[in-house]
Amino acid sequence: MNKEEDSFKLKKRLRSFRYAFAGLGNLLRREHNARIHLAAALLVTTLGLLLKLAPAEWVLLAIVIFLVLITEILNTALEELCDQVSTEKLERIKRIKDYGAAAVFLSALLAVLAGLLIFIPRLIQWIEHIN
């Protein structure tokens, strides 16, 4: 590898961002579940703003929101790859896809649990305050 190939190129770095945004755009256009996850994230964020969450609560919410979105992206990539490898109904490919779906399910379950731990006490306080 020559020095020019090894050096940092701003143009290449910016191009990598373009690929990432293209991936996010494709995901949201093509994957119904990704749109559901994004809608849930927007709803939770709005509720968090209304209830004036503490910084630590925001950090936890951000972690679980991004975890769900990341696992959805990886699961979608895995499914696309499996479909490219074989269009046949193979048991091994089914298991691989099921593992990916399980990862999304577990990350979403974690997000729901974190949301309940954060929002239930806040909502109870809010209800008591208005009564």
N, C-alpha and C. Protein backbone atom coordinates (compact mmCIF):
# COMPACT_ATOMS: atom_id res chain seq x y z
N MET A 1 0.85 -1.17 0.00
CA MET A 1 0.00 0.00 0.00
C MET A 1 0.90 1.23 0.00
N ASN A 2 0.64 2.16 -0.92
CA ASN A 2 1.47 3.37 -0.95
C ASN A 2 0.94 4.39 0.05
N LYS A 3 1.72 5.44 0.27
CA LYS A 3 1.39 6.44 1.30
C LYS A 3 0.06 7.12 1.02
N GLU A 4 -0.24 7.38 -0.23
CA GLU A 4 -1.49 8.07 -0.56
C GLU A 4 -2.71 7.21 -0.24
N GLU A 5 -2.64 5.91 -0.50
CA GLU A 5 -3.75 5.02 -0.19
C GLU A 5 -3.97 4.90 1.32
N ASP A 6 -2.90 5.02 2.09
CA ASP A 6 -2.96 4.85 3.54
C ASP A 6 -3.37 6.12 4.27
N SER A 7 -3.28 7.27 3.62
CA SER A 7 -3.53 8.54 4.31
C SER A 7 -5.03 8.80 4.46
N PHE A 8 -5.31 9.65 5.42
CA PHE A 8 -6.69 10.05 5.71
C PHE A 8 -7.21 10.90 4.56
N LYS A 9 -8.39 10.57 4.08
CA LYS A 9 -9.01 11.34 3.00
C LYS A 9 -10.37 11.80 3.47
N LEU A 10 -10.54 13.10 3.61
CA LEU A 10 -11.81 13.66 4.06
C LEU A 10 -12.95 13.27 3.13
N LYS A 11 -12.68 13.27 1.85
CA LYS A 11 -13.71 12.91 0.87
C LYS A 11 -14.22 11.49 1.10
N LYS A 12 -13.31 10.55 1.39
CA LYS A 12 -13.72 9.17 1.68
C LYS A 12 -14.54 9.10 2.96
N ARG A 13 -14.15 9.85 3.98
CA ARG A 13 -14.89 9.84 5.25
C ARG A 13 -16.31 10.38 5.03
N LEU A 14 -16.43 11.45 4.28
CA LEU A 14 -17.75 12.03 4.01
C LEU A 14 -18.61 11.07 3.19
N ARG A 15 -17.99 10.34 2.28
CA ARG A 15 -18.71 9.36 1.48
C ARG A 15 -19.27 8.25 2.38
N SER A 16 -18.53 7.87 3.41
CA SER A 16 -19.00 6.82 4.32
C SER A 16 -20.25 7.29 5.07
N PHE A 17 -20.33 8.58 5.39
CA PHE A 17 -21.55 9.10 6.00
C PHE A 17 -22.72 9.01 5.03
N ARG A 18 -22.46 9.29 3.78
CA ARG A 18 -23.52 9.22 2.76
C ARG A 18 -24.06 7.80 2.67
N TYR A 19 -23.18 6.80 2.74
CA TYR A 19 -23.62 5.41 2.70
C TYR A 19 -24.47 5.07 3.92
N ALA A 20 -24.06 5.59 5.08
CA ALA A 20 -24.82 5.33 6.32
C ALA A 20 -26.22 5.94 6.22
N PHE A 21 -26.31 7.16 5.74
CA PHE A 21 -27.62 7.80 5.61
C PHE A 21 -28.48 7.10 4.56
N ALA A 22 -27.84 6.61 3.49
CA ALA A 22 -28.59 5.83 2.48
C ALA A 22 -29.14 4.56 3.10
N GLY A 23 -28.35 3.92 3.95
CA GLY A 23 -28.81 2.71 4.63
C GLY A 23 -29.99 2.99 5.54
N LEU A 24 -29.92 4.08 6.30
CA LEU A 24 -31.03 4.45 7.17
C LEU A 24 -32.28 4.77 6.36
N GLY A 25 -32.11 5.48 5.25
CA GLY A 25 -33.25 5.81 4.39
C GLY A 25 -33.90 4.56 3.81
N ASN A 26 -33.08 3.65 3.32
CA ASN A 26 -33.61 2.39 2.77
C ASN A 26 -34.33 1.59 3.84
N LEU A 27 -33.75 1.54 5.02
CA LEU A 27 -34.36 0.80 6.12
C LEU A 27 -35.75 1.36 6.42
N LEU A 28 -35.86 2.67 6.54
CA LEU A 28 -37.15 3.27 6.90
C LEU A 28 -38.16 3.16 5.77
N ARG A 29 -37.71 3.18 4.54
CA ARG A 29 -38.63 3.03 3.40
C ARG A 29 -39.14 1.60 3.25
N ARG A 30 -38.28 0.63 3.55
CA ARG A 30 -38.59 -0.76 3.21
C ARG A 30 -39.04 -1.62 4.38
N GLU A 31 -38.70 -1.23 5.60
CA GLU A 31 -38.94 -2.11 6.75
C GLU A 31 -40.00 -1.53 7.68
N HIS A 32 -41.15 -2.17 7.69
CA HIS A 32 -42.27 -1.73 8.51
C HIS A 32 -41.89 -1.69 10.00
N ASN A 33 -41.21 -2.72 10.48
CA ASN A 33 -40.83 -2.77 11.90
C ASN A 33 -39.90 -1.62 12.28
N ALA A 34 -39.03 -1.22 11.38
CA ALA A 34 -38.13 -0.10 11.67
C ALA A 34 -38.93 1.18 11.85
N ARG A 35 -39.97 1.35 11.06
CA ARG A 35 -40.83 2.54 11.21
C ARG A 35 -41.59 2.50 12.53
N ILE A 36 -42.01 1.31 12.95
CA ILE A 36 -42.67 1.17 14.25
C ILE A 36 -41.70 1.53 15.37
N HIS A 37 -40.47 1.03 15.31
CA HIS A 37 -39.47 1.34 16.33
C HIS A 37 -39.18 2.85 16.37
N LEU A 38 -39.08 3.47 15.20
CA LEU A 38 -38.82 4.91 15.15
C LEU A 38 -40.00 5.69 15.74
N ALA A 39 -41.22 5.29 15.42
CA ALA A 39 -42.40 5.96 15.98
C ALA A 39 -42.42 5.83 17.50
N ALA A 40 -42.10 4.65 18.01
CA ALA A 40 -42.04 4.44 19.46
C ALA A 40 -40.97 5.33 20.07
N ALA A 41 -39.83 5.44 19.42
CA ALA A 41 -38.74 6.29 19.93
C ALA A 41 -39.17 7.75 19.98
N LEU A 42 -39.87 8.20 18.96
CA LEU A 42 -40.34 9.59 18.94
C LEU A 42 -41.39 9.83 20.02
N LEU A 43 -42.27 8.86 20.23
CA LEU A 43 -43.29 8.96 21.27
C LEU A 43 -42.64 9.02 22.67
N VAL A 44 -41.70 8.14 22.92
CA VAL A 44 -41.00 8.10 24.21
C VAL A 44 -40.22 9.40 24.42
N THR A 45 -39.58 9.90 23.38
CA THR A 45 -38.83 11.15 23.48
C THR A 45 -39.76 12.31 23.81
N THR A 46 -40.90 12.37 23.16
CA THR A 46 -41.88 13.42 23.44
C THR A 46 -42.37 13.33 24.88
N LEU A 47 -42.69 12.12 25.33
CA LEU A 47 -43.14 11.92 26.71
C LEU A 47 -42.04 12.33 27.69
N GLY A 48 -40.81 11.98 27.37
CA GLY A 48 -39.68 12.36 28.22
C GLY A 48 -39.53 13.86 28.33
N LEU A 49 -39.73 14.58 27.23
CA LEU A 49 -39.67 16.04 27.26
C LEU A 49 -40.80 16.61 28.11
N LEU A 50 -41.98 16.07 27.98
CA LEU A 50 -43.13 16.55 28.75
C LEU A 50 -42.94 16.30 30.25
N LEU A 51 -42.35 15.16 30.60
CA LEU A 51 -42.16 14.80 32.01
C LEU A 51 -40.83 15.29 32.58
N LYS A 52 -40.05 15.99 31.76
CA LYS A 52 -38.78 16.59 32.20
C LYS A 52 -37.87 15.56 32.88
N LEU A 53 -37.48 14.58 32.10
CA LEU A 53 -36.62 13.52 32.63
C LEU A 53 -35.26 14.07 33.07
N ALA A 54 -34.67 13.38 34.02
CA ALA A 54 -33.33 13.71 34.49
C ALA A 54 -32.30 13.24 33.46
N PRO A 55 -31.10 13.83 33.49
CA PRO A 55 -30.06 13.43 32.52
C PRO A 55 -29.77 11.92 32.52
N ALA A 56 -29.70 11.30 33.67
CA ALA A 56 -29.43 9.85 33.71
C ALA A 56 -30.55 9.06 33.05
N GLU A 57 -31.78 9.52 33.20
CA GLU A 57 -32.91 8.85 32.55
C GLU A 57 -32.82 8.99 31.03
N TRP A 58 -32.39 10.16 30.57
CA TRP A 58 -32.21 10.37 29.13
C TRP A 58 -31.12 9.45 28.58
N VAL A 59 -30.06 9.29 29.34
CA VAL A 59 -28.97 8.42 28.89
C VAL A 59 -29.48 6.99 28.74
N LEU A 60 -30.21 6.50 29.73
CA LEU A 60 -30.75 5.15 29.65
C LEU A 60 -31.70 5.01 28.46
N LEU A 61 -32.58 5.99 28.29
CA LEU A 61 -33.50 5.92 27.15
C LEU A 61 -32.75 5.93 25.82
N ALA A 62 -31.75 6.78 25.71
CA ALA A 62 -30.98 6.84 24.46
C ALA A 62 -30.30 5.50 24.18
N ILE A 63 -29.74 4.89 25.21
CA ILE A 63 -29.06 3.61 25.03
C ILE A 63 -30.04 2.55 24.52
N VAL A 64 -31.20 2.43 25.17
CA VAL A 64 -32.12 1.37 24.75
C VAL A 64 -32.78 1.68 23.40
N ILE A 65 -33.05 2.95 23.12
CA ILE A 65 -33.61 3.31 21.81
C ILE A 65 -32.63 2.93 20.70
N PHE A 66 -31.37 3.34 20.86
CA PHE A 66 -30.38 3.02 19.83
C PHE A 66 -30.08 1.53 19.76
N LEU A 67 -30.13 0.84 20.89
CA LEU A 67 -29.94 -0.61 20.86
C LEU A 67 -31.01 -1.29 20.01
N VAL A 68 -32.25 -0.88 20.18
CA VAL A 68 -33.34 -1.46 19.37
C VAL A 68 -33.12 -1.16 17.89
N LEU A 69 -32.80 0.08 17.58
CA LEU A 69 -32.59 0.44 16.17
C LEU A 69 -31.39 -0.29 15.57
N ILE A 70 -30.32 -0.42 16.33
CA ILE A 70 -29.13 -1.14 15.84
C ILE A 70 -29.45 -2.61 15.60
N THR A 71 -30.15 -3.24 16.54
CA THR A 71 -30.46 -4.67 16.33
C THR A 71 -31.42 -4.84 15.15
N GLU A 72 -32.32 -3.89 14.95
CA GLU A 72 -33.22 -3.95 13.78
C GLU A 72 -32.42 -3.85 12.49
N ILE A 73 -31.46 -2.95 12.46
CA ILE A 73 -30.61 -2.79 11.27
C ILE A 73 -29.81 -4.07 11.01
N LEU A 74 -29.19 -4.61 12.04
CA LEU A 74 -28.39 -5.83 11.87
C LEU A 74 -29.26 -7.02 11.48
N ASN A 75 -30.44 -7.12 12.05
CA ASN A 75 -31.36 -8.20 11.68
C ASN A 75 -31.79 -8.07 10.22
N THR A 76 -32.08 -6.86 9.80
CA THR A 76 -32.47 -6.65 8.40
C THR A 76 -31.33 -7.01 7.46
N ALA A 77 -30.11 -6.60 7.82
CA ALA A 77 -28.94 -6.95 6.99
C ALA A 77 -28.76 -8.46 6.93
N LEU A 78 -28.94 -9.13 8.06
CA LEU A 78 -28.81 -10.59 8.12
C LEU A 78 -29.87 -11.26 7.24
N GLU A 79 -31.10 -10.78 7.31
CA GLU A 79 -32.17 -11.34 6.48
C GLU A 79 -31.89 -11.14 5.00
N GLU A 80 -31.42 -9.93 4.64
CA GLU A 80 -31.09 -9.65 3.24
C GLU A 80 -29.99 -10.59 2.74
N LEU A 81 -28.98 -10.79 3.58
CA LEU A 81 -27.88 -11.68 3.21
C LEU A 81 -28.37 -13.11 3.04
N CYS A 82 -29.19 -13.57 3.98
CA CYS A 82 -29.74 -14.93 3.89
C CYS A 82 -30.56 -15.10 2.61
N ASP A 83 -31.36 -14.10 2.28
CA ASP A 83 -32.18 -14.18 1.07
C ASP A 83 -31.32 -14.16 -0.19
N GLN A 84 -30.17 -13.49 -0.12
CA GLN A 84 -29.25 -13.47 -1.26
C GLN A 84 -28.55 -14.83 -1.42
N VAL A 85 -28.24 -15.47 -0.31
CA VAL A 85 -27.54 -16.75 -0.34
C VAL A 85 -28.43 -17.85 -0.91
N SER A 86 -29.70 -17.86 -0.50
CA SER A 86 -30.60 -18.91 -0.97
C SER A 86 -32.04 -18.45 -0.91
N THR A 87 -32.77 -18.74 -1.98
CA THR A 87 -34.20 -18.45 -1.99
C THR A 87 -35.00 -19.67 -1.55
N GLU A 88 -34.30 -20.79 -1.36
CA GLU A 88 -34.97 -22.00 -0.88
C GLU A 88 -35.34 -21.86 0.59
N LYS A 89 -36.31 -22.62 1.02
CA LYS A 89 -36.69 -22.67 2.43
C LYS A 89 -35.78 -23.68 3.14
N LEU A 90 -34.65 -23.19 3.63
CA LEU A 90 -33.69 -24.04 4.31
C LEU A 90 -33.81 -23.87 5.82
N GLU A 91 -33.78 -24.98 6.54
CA GLU A 91 -33.92 -24.93 8.00
C GLU A 91 -32.83 -24.10 8.64
N ARG A 92 -31.61 -24.20 8.17
CA ARG A 92 -30.50 -23.46 8.75
C ARG A 92 -30.69 -21.96 8.57
N ILE A 93 -31.13 -21.54 7.40
CA ILE A 93 -31.37 -20.11 7.16
C ILE A 93 -32.54 -19.63 8.01
N LYS A 94 -33.55 -20.47 8.17
CA LYS A 94 -34.68 -20.10 9.04
C LYS A 94 -34.18 -19.86 10.46
N ARG A 95 -33.31 -20.74 10.97
CA ARG A 95 -32.76 -20.57 12.32
C ARG A 95 -31.97 -19.28 12.43
N ILE A 96 -31.17 -18.98 11.42
CA ILE A 96 -30.36 -17.75 11.43
C ILE A 96 -31.29 -16.54 11.50
N LYS A 97 -32.32 -16.53 10.68
CA LYS A 97 -33.28 -15.42 10.70
C LYS A 97 -34.00 -15.34 12.03
N ASP A 98 -34.35 -16.49 12.60
CA ASP A 98 -35.02 -16.50 13.91
C ASP A 98 -34.11 -15.93 14.99
N TYR A 99 -32.81 -16.23 14.93
CA TYR A 99 -31.87 -15.67 15.90
C TYR A 99 -31.85 -14.14 15.80
N GLY A 100 -31.82 -13.64 14.58
CA GLY A 100 -31.84 -12.19 14.39
C GLY A 100 -33.11 -11.57 14.94
N ALA A 101 -34.25 -12.22 14.67
CA ALA A 101 -35.53 -11.71 15.19
C ALA A 101 -35.54 -11.76 16.71
N ALA A 102 -34.96 -12.79 17.30
CA ALA A 102 -34.90 -12.89 18.76
C ALA A 102 -34.06 -11.75 19.35
N ALA A 103 -32.99 -11.38 18.67
CA ALA A 103 -32.16 -10.27 19.15
C ALA A 103 -32.95 -8.97 19.17
N VAL A 104 -33.73 -8.73 18.11
CA VAL A 104 -34.56 -7.53 18.08
C VAL A 104 -35.61 -7.58 19.19
N PHE A 105 -36.24 -8.74 19.36
CA PHE A 105 -37.25 -8.89 20.40
C PHE A 105 -36.68 -8.60 21.78
N LEU A 106 -35.51 -9.17 22.07
CA LEU A 106 -34.91 -8.96 23.39
C LEU A 106 -34.52 -7.50 23.61
N SER A 107 -33.99 -6.86 22.58
CA SER A 107 -33.63 -5.45 22.75
C SER A 107 -34.88 -4.59 22.94
N ALA A 108 -35.95 -4.92 22.23
CA ALA A 108 -37.21 -4.18 22.40
C ALA A 108 -37.80 -4.43 23.79
N LEU A 109 -37.71 -5.66 24.27
CA LEU A 109 -38.19 -5.98 25.61
C LEU A 109 -37.41 -5.19 26.67
N LEU A 110 -36.10 -5.11 26.51
CA LEU A 110 -35.27 -4.32 27.42
C LEU A 110 -35.70 -2.86 27.38
N ALA A 111 -35.97 -2.34 26.20
CA ALA A 111 -36.40 -0.94 26.07
C ALA A 111 -37.73 -0.70 26.77
N VAL A 112 -38.65 -1.64 26.62
CA VAL A 112 -39.95 -1.51 27.29
C VAL A 112 -39.76 -1.52 28.80
N LEU A 113 -38.95 -2.44 29.31
CA LEU A 113 -38.71 -2.52 30.76
C LEU A 113 -38.07 -1.23 31.27
N ALA A 114 -37.08 -0.72 30.55
CA ALA A 114 -36.44 0.53 30.96
C ALA A 114 -37.46 1.67 30.93
N GLY A 115 -38.27 1.71 29.90
CA GLY A 115 -39.30 2.75 29.81
C GLY A 115 -40.29 2.68 30.96
N LEU A 116 -40.71 1.48 31.30
CA LEU A 116 -41.64 1.32 32.43
C LEU A 116 -41.00 1.79 33.74
N LEU A 117 -39.74 1.42 33.96
CA LEU A 117 -39.05 1.84 35.18
C LEU A 117 -38.90 3.36 35.27
N ILE A 118 -38.73 3.99 34.14
CA ILE A 118 -38.57 5.45 34.13
C ILE A 118 -39.93 6.15 34.19
N PHE A 119 -40.87 5.70 33.37
CA PHE A 119 -42.10 6.48 33.19
C PHE A 119 -43.19 6.20 34.23
N ILE A 120 -43.29 4.99 34.75
CA ILE A 120 -44.37 4.71 35.71
C ILE A 120 -44.27 5.61 36.94
N PRO A 121 -43.11 5.72 37.60
CA PRO A 121 -43.04 6.63 38.75
C PRO A 121 -43.34 8.09 38.37
N ARG A 122 -42.85 8.50 37.21
CA ARG A 122 -43.09 9.88 36.74
C ARG A 122 -44.57 10.11 36.48
N LEU A 123 -45.23 9.15 35.86
CA LEU A 123 -46.66 9.30 35.57
C LEU A 123 -47.48 9.28 36.86
N ILE A 124 -47.09 8.47 37.83
CA ILE A 124 -47.78 8.45 39.13
C ILE A 124 -47.64 9.82 39.80
N GLN A 125 -46.44 10.38 39.79
CA GLN A 125 -46.23 11.71 40.36
C GLN A 125 -47.09 12.75 39.65
N TRP A 126 -47.14 12.68 38.35
CA TRP A 126 -47.90 13.65 37.56
C TRP A 126 -49.40 13.55 37.87
N ILE A 127 -49.91 12.31 37.98
CA ILE A 127 -51.32 12.11 38.30
C ILE A 127 -51.63 12.62 39.69
N GLU A 128 -50.76 12.34 40.65
CA GLU A 128 -50.97 12.83 42.01
C GLU A 128 -50.93 14.36 42.06
N HIS A 129 -50.10 14.94 41.25
CA HIS A 129 -49.97 16.41 41.20
C HIS A 129 -51.22 17.07 40.66
N ILE A 130 -51.87 16.47 39.66
CA ILE A 130 -53.06 17.10 39.08
C ILE A 130 -54.32 16.82 39.90
N ASN A 131 -54.26 15.86 40.81
CA ASN A 131 -55.45 15.57 41.65
C ASN A 131 -55.50 16.43 42.86
